[in-house]
């Protein structure tokens, strides 16, 4: 089974979605300015994956243990 960050993009079919820590400084700059940035805090968005080709943002739906 593929890991969360190894999924292909459901929108454009890019071969790998990137986690926040895998993004370059320029990519992070762009991600911070995408429209979904208004719906989630930056801390929340750092748990999402992003497509570096079309900038699709996938939200991690994995339950978090408290």
C-alpha atoms as a PDB file:
ATOM      1  CA  UNK A   1       0.000   0.000   0.000  1.00  0.00           C
ATOM      2  CA  UNK A   2       1.323   3.444  -0.856  1.00  0.00           C
ATOM      3  CA  UNK A   3       2.025   5.970   1.882  1.00  0.00           C
ATOM      4  CA  UNK A   4       0.122   9.247   2.016  1.00  0.00           C
ATOM      5  CA  UNK A   5       2.858  11.215   0.273  1.00  0.00           C
ATOM      6  CA  UNK A   6       3.360   8.551  -2.429  1.00  0.00           C
ATOM      7  CA  UNK A   7      -0.108   8.945  -3.940  1.00  0.00           C
ATOM      8  CA  UNK A   8      -0.557  10.238  -7.437  1.00  0.00           C
ATOM      9  CA  UNK A   9      -2.440  13.490  -7.844  1.00  0.00           C
ATOM     10  CA  UNK A  10      -6.171  12.815  -8.387  1.00  0.00           C
ATOM     11  CA  UNK A  11      -6.478  15.984 -10.471  1.00  0.00           C
ATOM     12  CA  UNK A  12      -3.548  15.844 -12.923  1.00  0.00           C
ATOM     13  CA  UNK A  13      -1.972  12.405 -12.372  1.00  0.00           C
ATOM     14  CA  UNK A  14       1.455  13.703 -11.282  1.00  0.00           C
ATOM     15  CA  UNK A  15       3.527  10.845  -9.964  1.00  0.00           C
ATOM     16  CA  UNK A  16       4.046  12.122  -6.410  1.00  0.00           C
ATOM     17  CA  UNK A  17       2.291  14.415  -3.981  1.00  0.00           C
ATOM     18  CA  UNK A  18       4.663  16.327  -1.672  1.00  0.00           C
ATOM     19  CA  UNK A  19       4.382  16.806   2.073  1.00  0.00           C
ATOM     20  CA  UNK A  20       5.152  20.247   3.525  1.00  0.00           C
ATOM     21  CA  UNK A  21       8.716  19.313   4.490  1.00  0.00           C
ATOM     22  CA  UNK A  22       9.411  18.115   0.930  1.00  0.00           C
ATOM     23  CA  UNK A  23       8.455  21.451  -0.658  1.00  0.00           C
ATOM     24  CA  UNK A  24      11.154  23.928  -1.655  1.00  0.00           C
ATOM     25  CA  UNK A  25      11.088  27.455  -0.252  1.00  0.00           C
ATOM     26  CA  UNK A  26       9.501  28.752  -3.472  1.00  0.00           C
ATOM     27  CA  UNK A  27       6.857  26.007  -3.422  1.00  0.00           C
ATOM     28  CA  UNK A  28       5.983  26.816   0.196  1.00  0.00           C
ATOM     29  CA  UNK A  29       5.652  30.488  -0.737  1.00  0.00           C
ATOM     30  CA  UNK A  30       3.117  29.556  -3.433  1.00  0.00           C
ATOM     31  CA  UNK A  31       1.221  27.102  -1.213  1.00  0.00           C
ATOM     32  CA  UNK A  32       0.803  29.738   1.490  1.00  0.00           C
ATOM     33  CA  UNK A  33      -0.994  31.941  -1.048  1.00  0.00           C
ATOM     34  CA  UNK A  34      -3.379  29.361  -2.517  1.00  0.00           C
ATOM     35  CA  UNK A  35      -7.125  29.880  -1.889  1.00  0.00           C
ATOM     36  CA  UNK A  36      -7.459  27.009   0.681  1.00  0.00           C
ATOM     37  CA  UNK A  37      -5.030  28.938   2.903  1.00  0.00           C
ATOM     38  CA  UNK A  38      -8.040  30.885   4.178  1.00  0.00           C
ATOM     39  CA  UNK A  39      -9.820  27.699   5.297  1.00  0.00           C
ATOM     40  CA  UNK A  40      -6.973  26.146   7.308  1.00  0.00           C
ATOM     41  CA  UNK A  41      -4.283  27.444   9.634  1.00  0.00           C
ATOM     42  CA  UNK A  42      -0.684  27.080   8.485  1.00  0.00           C
ATOM     43  CA  UNK A  43      -0.123  24.426  11.172  1.00  0.00           C
ATOM     44  CA  UNK A  44      -3.062  22.415   9.788  1.00  0.00           C
ATOM     45  CA  UNK A  45      -1.906  22.806   6.182  1.00  0.00           C
ATOM     46  CA  UNK A  46       1.524  21.425   7.067  1.00  0.00           C
ATOM     47  CA  UNK A  47      -0.247  18.052   7.479  1.00  0.00           C
ATOM     48  CA  UNK A  48      -1.614  18.178   3.929  1.00  0.00           C
ATOM     49  CA  UNK A  49       0.008  17.001   0.698  1.00  0.00           C
ATOM     50  CA  UNK A  50       0.408  19.144  -2.398  1.00  0.00           C
ATOM     51  CA  UNK A  51       0.830  18.467  -6.082  1.00  0.00           C
ATOM     52  CA  UNK A  52       3.799  20.471  -7.405  1.00  0.00           C
ATOM     53  CA  UNK A  53       2.336  20.402 -10.928  1.00  0.00           C
ATOM     54  CA  UNK A  54      -1.271  21.657 -10.489  1.00  0.00           C
ATOM     55  CA  UNK A  55      -1.175  22.678  -6.761  1.00  0.00           C
ATOM     56  CA  UNK A  56      -4.016  20.353  -5.757  1.00  0.00           C
ATOM     57  CA  UNK A  57      -4.113  20.161  -1.960  1.00  0.00           C
ATOM     58  CA  UNK A  58      -5.015  16.843  -0.372  1.00  0.00           C
ATOM     59  CA  UNK A  59      -6.190  16.886   3.220  1.00  0.00           C
ATOM     60  CA  UNK A  60      -4.969  14.091   5.474  1.00  0.00           C
ATOM     61  CA  UNK A  61      -8.096  12.365   6.777  1.00  0.00           C
ATOM     62  CA  UNK A  62      -6.139  10.051   9.094  1.00  0.00           C
ATOM     63  CA  UNK A  63      -7.592  10.235  12.614  1.00  0.00           C
ATOM     64  CA  UNK A  64      -5.255  11.923  15.106  1.00  0.00           C
ATOM     65  CA  UNK A  65      -4.863  10.358  18.544  1.00  0.00           C
ATOM     66  CA  UNK A  66      -4.968  12.781  21.426  1.00  0.00           C
END
